[in-house]
Amino acid sequence: MRQQHIKKMIIELDQSIYEEFEEYCLDVDVEKTEIVSDAVQCLIKDMMNKMDAMRKGYEEMGNLNLEICSEFDGCESEAHSHV
């Protein structure tokens, strides 16, 4: 069996949120650590997906900018010849 390395983390919650959280865990019979671990994993996955989407958007925009610049190379060369 693979040994897991576990790190502890302290989080602070408003009293009302903690009480709701605790009640939910009791109602569905789940450990608080399991909920927190799942929530952190979801958050990280969501953030990575957003970063990937932004990265892809910047790459696409960069390619469009290169196309636009190449369209005006002739105009720029002509303008420099008149200066």
PDB file of N, CA and C in Angstrom:
ATOM      1  N   MET A   1       0.833  -1.189   0.000  1.00  0.00           N
ATOM      2  CA  MET A   1       0.000   0.000   0.000  1.00  0.00           C
ATOM      3  C   MET A   1       0.874   1.247   0.000  1.00  0.00           C
ATOM      4  N   ARG A   2       0.519   2.227  -0.804  1.00  0.00           N
ATOM      5  CA  ARG A   2       1.277   3.463  -0.943  1.00  0.00           C
ATOM      6  C   ARG A   2       1.064   4.350   0.288  1.00  0.00           C
ATOM      7  N   GLN A   3       2.146   4.816   0.856  1.00  0.00           N
ATOM      8  CA  GLN A   3       2.046   5.681   2.030  1.00  0.00           C
ATOM      9  C   GLN A   3       1.729   7.105   1.593  1.00  0.00           C
ATOM     10  N   GLN A   4       0.738   7.711   2.229  1.00  0.00           N
ATOM     11  CA  GLN A   4       0.362   9.080   1.899  1.00  0.00           C
ATOM     12  C   GLN A   4       1.090  10.041   2.832  1.00  0.00           C
ATOM     13  N   HIS A   5       1.533  11.143   2.264  1.00  0.00           N
ATOM     14  CA  HIS A   5       2.131  12.196   3.070  1.00  0.00           C
ATOM     15  C   HIS A   5       1.045  13.237   3.316  1.00  0.00           C
ATOM     16  N   ILE A   6       0.748  13.462   4.564  1.00  0.00           N
ATOM     17  CA  ILE A   6      -0.340  14.370   4.920  1.00  0.00           C
ATOM     18  C   ILE A   6       0.237  15.610   5.579  1.00  0.00           C
ATOM     19  N   LYS A   7      -0.227  16.750   5.133  1.00  0.00           N
ATOM     20  CA  LYS A   7       0.164  18.035   5.715  1.00  0.00           C
ATOM     21  C   LYS A   7      -1.057  18.631   6.392  1.00  0.00           C
ATOM     22  N   LYS A   8      -0.837  19.291   7.505  1.00  0.00           N
ATOM     23  CA  LYS A   8      -1.930  19.942   8.211  1.00  0.00           C
ATOM     24  C   LYS A   8      -2.001  21.397   7.805  1.00  0.00           C
ATOM     25  N   MET A   9      -3.241  21.903   7.832  1.00  0.00           N
ATOM     26  CA  MET A   9      -3.466  23.297   7.476  1.00  0.00           C
ATOM     27  C   MET A   9      -4.542  23.835   8.408  1.00  0.00           C
ATOM     28  N   ILE A  10      -4.370  25.043   8.847  1.00  0.00           N
ATOM     29  CA  ILE A  10      -5.378  25.683   9.686  1.00  0.00           C
ATOM     30  C   ILE A  10      -6.119  26.697   8.838  1.00  0.00           C
ATOM     31  N   ILE A  11      -7.447  26.626   8.854  1.00  0.00           N
ATOM     32  CA  ILE A  11      -8.251  27.608   8.136  1.00  0.00           C
ATOM     33  C   ILE A  11      -9.176  28.302   9.131  1.00  0.00           C
ATOM     34  N   GLU A  12      -9.482  29.527   8.837  1.00  0.00           N
ATOM     35  CA  GLU A  12     -10.383  30.288   9.691  1.00  0.00           C
ATOM     36  C   GLU A  12     -11.676  30.538   8.935  1.00  0.00           C
ATOM     37  N   LEU A  13     -12.791  30.271   9.602  1.00  0.00           N
ATOM     38  CA  LEU A  13     -14.110  30.479   9.016  1.00  0.00           C
ATOM     39  C   LEU A  13     -14.947  31.309   9.980  1.00  0.00           C
ATOM     40  N   ASP A  14     -15.862  32.073   9.422  1.00  0.00           N
ATOM     41  CA  ASP A  14     -16.835  32.746  10.275  1.00  0.00           C
ATOM     42  C   ASP A  14     -17.615  31.677  11.026  1.00  0.00           C
ATOM     43  N   GLN A  15     -18.063  32.013  12.221  1.00  0.00           N
ATOM     44  CA  GLN A  15     -18.790  31.061  13.057  1.00  0.00           C
ATOM     45  C   GLN A  15     -19.987  30.465  12.330  1.00  0.00           C
ATOM     46  N   SER A  16     -20.758  31.303  11.635  1.00  0.00           N
ATOM     47  CA  SER A  16     -21.962  30.806  10.961  1.00  0.00           C
ATOM     48  C   SER A  16     -21.612  29.832   9.830  1.00  0.00           C
ATOM     49  N   ILE A  17     -20.558  30.121   9.090  1.00  0.00           N
ATOM     50  CA  ILE A  17     -20.138  29.224   8.008  1.00  0.00           C
ATOM     51  C   ILE A  17     -19.654  27.904   8.592  1.00  0.00           C
ATOM     52  N   TYR A  18     -18.892  27.992   9.674  1.00  0.00           N
ATOM     53  CA  TYR A  18     -18.393  26.763  10.303  1.00  0.00           C
ATOM     54  C   TYR A  18     -19.547  25.903  10.801  1.00  0.00           C
ATOM     55  N   GLU A  19     -20.532  26.531  11.390  1.00  0.00           N
ATOM     56  CA  GLU A  19     -21.679  25.771  11.896  1.00  0.00           C
ATOM     57  C   GLU A  19     -22.436  25.095  10.753  1.00  0.00           C
ATOM     58  N   GLU A  20     -22.622  25.790   9.638  1.00  0.00           N
ATOM     59  CA  GLU A  20     -23.275  25.177   8.469  1.00  0.00           C
ATOM     60  C   GLU A  20     -22.443  24.013   7.937  1.00  0.00           C
ATOM     61  N   PHE A  21     -21.143  24.234   7.878  1.00  0.00           N
ATOM     62  CA  PHE A  21     -20.214  23.218   7.401  1.00  0.00           C
ATOM     63  C   PHE A  21     -20.277  21.977   8.288  1.00  0.00           C
ATOM     64  N   GLU A  22     -20.222  22.197   9.575  1.00  0.00           N
ATOM     65  CA  GLU A  22     -20.275  21.093  10.533  1.00  0.00           C
ATOM     66  C   GLU A  22     -21.613  20.341  10.429  1.00  0.00           C
ATOM     67  N   GLU A  23     -22.706  21.089  10.315  1.00  0.00           N
ATOM     68  CA  GLU A  23     -24.027  20.468  10.187  1.00  0.00           C
ATOM     69  C   GLU A  23     -24.115  19.631   8.909  1.00  0.00           C
ATOM     70  N   TYR A  24     -23.582  20.180   7.808  1.00  0.00           N
ATOM     71  CA  TYR A  24     -23.594  19.447   6.542  1.00  0.00           C
ATOM     72  C   TYR A  24     -22.823  18.135   6.673  1.00  0.00           C
ATOM     73  N   CYS A  25     -21.655  18.187   7.270  1.00  0.00           N
ATOM     74  CA  CYS A  25     -20.834  16.989   7.432  1.00  0.00           C
ATOM     75  C   CYS A  25     -21.556  15.929   8.269  1.00  0.00           C
ATOM     76  N   LEU A  26     -22.257  16.371   9.301  1.00  0.00           N
ATOM     77  CA  LEU A  26     -23.020  15.430  10.127  1.00  0.00           C
ATOM     78  C   LEU A  26     -24.193  14.845   9.348  1.00  0.00           C
ATOM     79  N   ASP A  27     -24.883  15.702   8.594  1.00  0.00           N
ATOM     80  CA  ASP A  27     -26.053  15.249   7.827  1.00  0.00           C
ATOM     81  C   ASP A  27     -25.705  14.197   6.779  1.00  0.00           C
ATOM     82  N   VAL A  28     -24.596  14.387   6.105  1.00  0.00           N
ATOM     83  CA  VAL A  28     -24.231  13.457   5.030  1.00  0.00           C
ATOM     84  C   VAL A  28     -23.191  12.432   5.476  1.00  0.00           C
ATOM     85  N   ASP A  29     -22.823  12.491   6.752  1.00  0.00           N
ATOM     86  CA  ASP A  29     -21.878  11.540   7.338  1.00  0.00           C
ATOM     87  C   ASP A  29     -20.557  11.495   6.567  1.00  0.00           C
ATOM     88  N   VAL A  30     -19.930  12.653   6.497  1.00  0.00           N
ATOM     89  CA  VAL A  30     -18.647  12.762   5.806  1.00  0.00           C
ATOM     90  C   VAL A  30     -17.674  13.533   6.702  1.00  0.00           C
ATOM     91  N   GLU A  31     -16.405  13.194   6.595  1.00  0.00           N
ATOM     92  CA  GLU A  31     -15.380  13.863   7.390  1.00  0.00           C
ATOM     93  C   GLU A  31     -15.109  15.266   6.845  1.00  0.00           C
ATOM     94  N   LYS A  32     -14.849  16.188   7.746  1.00  0.00           N
ATOM     95  CA  LYS A  32     -14.557  17.570   7.338  1.00  0.00           C
ATOM     96  C   LYS A  32     -13.329  17.625   6.434  1.00  0.00           C
ATOM     97  N   THR A  33     -12.320  16.824   6.756  1.00  0.00           N
ATOM     98  CA  THR A  33     -11.096  16.840   5.946  1.00  0.00           C
ATOM     99  C   THR A  33     -11.363  16.399   4.508  1.00  0.00           C
ATOM    100  N   GLU A  34     -12.292  15.459   4.347  1.00  0.00           N
ATOM    101  CA  GLU A  34     -12.625  14.992   3.001  1.00  0.00           C
ATOM    102  C   GLU A  34     -13.263  16.114   2.184  1.00  0.00           C
ATOM    103  N   ILE A  35     -14.186  16.849   2.811  1.00  0.00           N
ATOM    104  CA  ILE A  35     -14.844  17.966   2.130  1.00  0.00           C
ATOM    105  C   ILE A  35     -13.824  19.038   1.752  1.00  0.00           C
ATOM    106  N   VAL A  36     -12.956  19.388   2.687  1.00  0.00           N
ATOM    107  CA  VAL A  36     -11.963  20.435   2.424  1.00  0.00           C
ATOM    108  C   VAL A  36     -11.009  19.990   1.322  1.00  0.00           C
ATOM    109  N   SER A  37     -10.554  18.744   1.378  1.00  0.00           N
ATOM    110  CA  SER A  37      -9.646  18.239   0.338  1.00  0.00           C
ATOM    111  C   SER A  37     -10.314  18.273  -1.035  1.00  0.00           C
ATOM    112  N   ASP A  38     -11.558  17.818  -1.106  1.00  0.00           N
ATOM    113  CA  ASP A  38     -12.292  17.835  -2.372  1.00  0.00           C
ATOM    114  C   ASP A  38     -12.479  19.260  -2.883  1.00  0.00           C
ATOM    115  N   ALA A  39     -12.810  20.178  -1.964  1.00  0.00           N
ATOM    116  CA  ALA A  39     -13.026  21.574  -2.361  1.00  0.00           C
ATOM    117  C   ALA A  39     -11.740  22.203  -2.894  1.00  0.00           C
ATOM    118  N   VAL A  40     -10.630  21.927  -2.242  1.00  0.00           N
ATOM    119  CA  VAL A  40      -9.345  22.476  -2.694  1.00  0.00           C
ATOM    120  C   VAL A  40      -8.981  21.906  -4.059  1.00  0.00           C
ATOM    121  N   GLN A  41      -9.190  20.603  -4.249  1.00  0.00           N
ATOM    122  CA  GLN A  41      -8.902  19.990  -5.551  1.00  0.00           C
ATOM    123  C   GLN A  41      -9.756  20.607  -6.650  1.00  0.00           C
ATOM    124  N   CYS A  42     -11.045  20.832  -6.369  1.00  0.00           N
ATOM    125  CA  CYS A  42     -11.934  21.464  -7.353  1.00  0.00           C
ATOM    126  C   CYS A  42     -11.480  22.882  -7.670  1.00  0.00           C
ATOM    127  N   LEU A  43     -11.113  23.618  -6.645  1.00  0.00           N
ATOM    128  CA  LEU A  43     -10.659  24.993  -6.838  1.00  0.00           C
ATOM    129  C   LEU A  43      -9.406  25.042  -7.708  1.00  0.00           C
ATOM    130  N   ILE A  44      -8.451  24.183  -7.408  1.00  0.00           N
ATOM    131  CA  ILE A  44      -7.207  24.157  -8.185  1.00  0.00           C
ATOM    132  C   ILE A  44      -7.487  23.780  -9.635  1.00  0.00           C
ATOM    133  N   LYS A  45      -8.326  22.770  -9.844  1.00  0.00           N
ATOM    134  CA  LYS A  45      -8.671  22.343 -11.206  1.00  0.00           C
ATOM    135  C   LYS A  45      -9.348  23.479 -11.966  1.00  0.00           C
ATOM    136  N   ASP A  46     -10.275  24.162 -11.314  1.00  0.00           N
ATOM    137  CA  ASP A  46     -10.977  25.280 -11.935  1.00  0.00           C
ATOM    138  C   ASP A  46     -10.012  26.410 -12.287  1.00  0.00           C
ATOM    139  N   MET A  47      -9.118  26.735 -11.370  1.00  0.00           N
ATOM    140  CA  MET A  47      -8.149  27.804 -11.632  1.00  0.00           C
ATOM    141  C   MET A  47      -7.215  27.437 -12.780  1.00  0.00           C
ATOM    142  N   MET A  48      -6.782  26.171 -12.835  1.00  0.00           N
ATOM    143  CA  MET A  48      -5.903  25.731 -13.914  1.00  0.00           C
ATOM    144  C   MET A  48      -6.628  25.782 -15.257  1.00  0.00           C
ATOM    145  N   ASN A  49      -7.908  25.402 -15.280  1.00  0.00           N
ATOM    146  CA  ASN A  49      -8.689  25.475 -16.517  1.00  0.00           C
ATOM    147  C   ASN A  49      -8.811  26.918 -16.997  1.00  0.00           C
ATOM    148  N   LYS A  50      -9.039  27.841 -16.066  1.00  0.00           N
ATOM    149  CA  LYS A  50      -9.136  29.254 -16.432  1.00  0.00           C
ATOM    150  C   LYS A  50      -7.800  29.776 -16.947  1.00  0.00           C
ATOM    151  N   MET A  51      -6.714  29.377 -16.294  1.00  0.00           N
ATOM    152  CA  MET A  51      -5.389  29.807 -16.754  1.00  0.00           C
ATOM    153  C   MET A  51      -5.089  29.247 -18.139  1.00  0.00           C
ATOM    154  N   ASP A  52      -5.448  28.000 -18.379  1.00  0.00           N
ATOM    155  CA  ASP A  52      -5.239  27.394 -19.698  1.00  0.00           C
ATOM    156  C   ASP A  52      -6.048  28.123 -20.765  1.00  0.00           C
ATOM    157  N   ALA A  53      -7.295  28.480 -20.430  1.00  0.00           N
ATOM    158  CA  ALA A  53      -8.138  29.209 -21.382  1.00  0.00           C
ATOM    159  C   ALA A  53      -7.546  30.585 -21.680  1.00  0.00           C
ATOM    160  N   MET A  54      -7.048  31.256 -20.659  1.00  0.00           N
ATOM    161  CA  MET A  54      -6.425  32.568 -20.875  1.00  0.00           C
ATOM    162  C   MET A  54      -5.168  32.431 -21.724  1.00  0.00           C
ATOM    163  N   ARG A  55      -4.351  31.422 -21.419  1.00  0.00           N
ATOM    164  CA  ARG A  55      -3.118  31.194 -22.173  1.00  0.00           C
ATOM    165  C   ARG A  55      -3.440  30.944 -23.646  1.00  0.00           C
ATOM    166  N   LYS A  56      -4.455  30.132 -23.897  1.00  0.00           N
ATOM    167  CA  LYS A  56      -4.870  29.833 -25.275  1.00  0.00           C
ATOM    168  C   LYS A  56      -5.356  31.105 -25.961  1.00  0.00           C
ATOM    169  N   GLY A  57      -6.134  31.921 -25.251  1.00  0.00           N
ATOM    170  CA  GLY A  57      -6.622  33.177 -25.810  1.00  0.00           C
ATOM    171  C   GLY A  57      -5.492  34.121 -26.175  1.00  0.00           C
ATOM    172  N   TYR A  58      -4.482  34.229 -25.296  1.00  0.00           N
ATOM    173  CA  TYR A  58      -3.333  35.092 -25.588  1.00  0.00           C
ATOM    174  C   TYR A  58      -2.555  34.579 -26.791  1.00  0.00           C
ATOM    175  N   GLU A  59      -2.421  33.256 -26.908  1.00  0.00           N
ATOM    176  CA  GLU A  59      -1.716  32.686 -28.060  1.00  0.00           C
ATOM    177  C   GLU A  59      -2.469  33.000 -29.350  1.00  0.00           C
ATOM    178  N   GLU A  60      -3.798  32.818 -29.323  1.00  0.00           N
ATOM    179  CA  GLU A  60      -4.601  33.106 -30.511  1.00  0.00           C
ATOM    180  C   GLU A  60      -4.521  34.587 -30.864  1.00  0.00           C
ATOM    181  N   MET A  61      -4.586  35.441 -29.858  1.00  0.00           N
ATOM    182  CA  MET A  61      -4.518  36.885 -30.110  1.00  0.00           C
ATOM    183  C   MET A  61      -3.138  37.260 -30.656  1.00  0.00           C
ATOM    184  N   GLY A  62      -2.101  36.608 -30.144  1.00  0.00           N
ATOM    185  CA  GLY A  62      -0.752  36.871 -30.642  1.00  0.00           C
ATOM    186  C   GLY A  62      -0.637  36.527 -32.117  1.00  0.00           C
ATOM    187  N   ASN A  63      -1.222  35.398 -32.515  1.00  0.00           N
ATOM    188  CA  ASN A  63      -1.195  35.006 -33.927  1.00  0.00           C
ATOM    189  C   ASN A  63      -1.966  36.010 -34.786  1.00  0.00           C
ATOM    190  N   LEU A  64      -3.113  36.471 -34.286  1.00  0.00           N
ATOM    191  CA  LEU A  64      -3.880  37.488 -35.025  1.00  0.00           C
ATOM    192  C   LEU A  64      -3.086  38.779 -35.167  1.00  0.00           C
ATOM    193  N   ASN A  65      -2.414  39.177 -34.094  1.00  0.00           N
ATOM    194  CA  ASN A  65      -1.602  40.395 -34.146  1.00  0.00           C
ATOM    195  C   ASN A  65      -0.478  40.270 -35.171  1.00  0.00           C
ATOM    196  N   LEU A  66       0.144  39.092 -35.245  1.00  0.00           N
ATOM    197  CA  LEU A  66       1.196  38.878 -36.244  1.00  0.00           C
ATOM    198  C   LEU A  66       0.641  38.985 -37.659  1.00  0.00           C
ATOM    199  N   GLU A  67      -0.548  38.421 -37.885  1.00  0.00           N
ATOM    200  CA  GLU A  67      -1.182  38.514 -39.200  1.00  0.00           C
ATOM    201  C   GLU A  67      -1.483  39.965 -39.556  1.00  0.00           C
ATOM    202  N   ILE A  68      -2.013  40.718 -38.597  1.00  0.00           N
ATOM    203  CA  ILE A  68      -2.346  42.128 -38.842  1.00  0.00           C
ATOM    204  C   ILE A  68      -1.082  42.913 -39.158  1.00  0.00           C
ATOM    205  N   CYS A  69      -0.028  42.683 -38.393  1.00  0.00           N
ATOM    206  CA  CYS A  69       1.237  43.392 -38.635  1.00  0.00           C
ATOM    207  C   CYS A  69       1.794  43.076 -40.020  1.00  0.00           C
ATOM    208  N   SER A  70       1.731  41.801 -40.415  1.00  0.00           N
ATOM    209  CA  SER A  70       2.281  41.437 -41.725  1.00  0.00           C
ATOM    210  C   SER A  70       1.469  42.066 -42.856  1.00  0.00           C
ATOM    211  N   GLU A  71       0.175  42.305 -42.627  1.00  0.00           N
ATOM    212  CA  GLU A  71      -0.667  42.956 -43.638  1.00  0.00           C
ATOM    213  C   GLU A  71      -0.193  44.385 -43.918  1.00  0.00           C
ATOM    214  N   PHE A  72       0.396  45.026 -42.927  1.00  0.00           N
ATOM    215  CA  PHE A  72       0.788  46.426 -43.078  1.00  0.00           C
ATOM    216  C   PHE A  72       2.279  46.619 -43.304  1.00  0.00           C
ATOM    217  N   ASP A  73       3.024  45.534 -43.501  1.00  0.00           N
ATOM    218  CA  ASP A  73       4.462  45.651 -43.761  1.00  0.00           C
ATOM    219  C   ASP A  73       4.740  46.503 -45.001  1.00  0.00           C
ATOM    220  N   GLY A  74       3.966  46.277 -46.054  1.00  0.00           N
ATOM    221  CA  GLY A  74       4.162  47.040 -47.286  1.00  0.00           C
ATOM    222  C   GLY A  74       3.907  48.518 -47.074  1.00  0.00           C
ATOM    223  N   CYS A  75       2.861  48.844 -46.354  1.00  0.00           N
ATOM    224  CA  CYS A  75       2.535  50.250 -46.075  1.00  0.00           C
ATOM    225  C   CYS A  75       3.642  50.910 -45.273  1.00  0.00           C
ATOM    226  N   GLU A  76       4.179  50.196 -44.314  1.00  0.00           N
ATOM    227  CA  GLU A  76       5.220  50.759 -43.467  1.00  0.00           C
ATOM    228  C   GLU A  76       6.492  50.985 -44.266  1.00  0.00           C
ATOM    229  N   SER A  77       6.828  50.034 -45.132  1.00  0.00           N
ATOM    230  CA  SER A  77       8.016  50.197 -45.985  1.00  0.00           C
ATOM    231  C   SER A  77       7.856  51.390 -46.912  1.00  0.00           C
ATOM    232  N   GLU A  78       6.667  51.545 -47.484  1.00  0.00           N
ATOM    233  CA  GLU A  78       6.410  52.674 -48.363  1.00  0.00           C
ATOM    234  C   GLU A  78       6.511  53.988 -47.605  1.00  0.00           C
ATOM    235  N   ALA A  79       6.000  54.022 -46.398  1.00  0.00           N
ATOM    236  CA  ALA A  79       6.063  55.240 -45.589  1.00  0.00           C
ATOM    237  C   ALA A  79       7.509  55.607 -45.280  1.00  0.00           C
ATOM    238  N   HIS A  80       8.353  54.630 -44.982  1.00  0.00           N
ATOM    239  CA  HIS A  80       9.765  54.903 -44.693  1.00  0.00           C
ATOM    240  C   HIS A  80      10.510  55.404 -45.933  1.00  0.00           C
ATOM    241  N   SER A  81      10.085  54.973 -47.095  1.00  0.00           N
ATOM    242  CA  SER A  81      10.759  55.409 -48.325  1.00  0.00           C
ATOM    243  C   SER A  81      10.464  56.882 -48.624  1.00  0.00           C
ATOM    244  N   HIS A  82       9.374  57.413 -48.091  1.00  0.00           N
ATOM    245  CA  HIS A  82       9.020  58.807 -48.316  1.00  0.00           C
ATOM    246  C   HIS A  82       9.578  59.740 -47.257  1.00  0.00           C
ATOM    247  N   VAL A  83      10.223  59.183 -46.238  1.00  0.00           N
ATOM    248  CA  VAL A  83      10.749  60.018 -45.148  1.00  0.00           C
ATOM    249  C   VAL A  83      12.145  60.421 -45.415  1.00  0.00           C
TER     250      VAL A  83
END
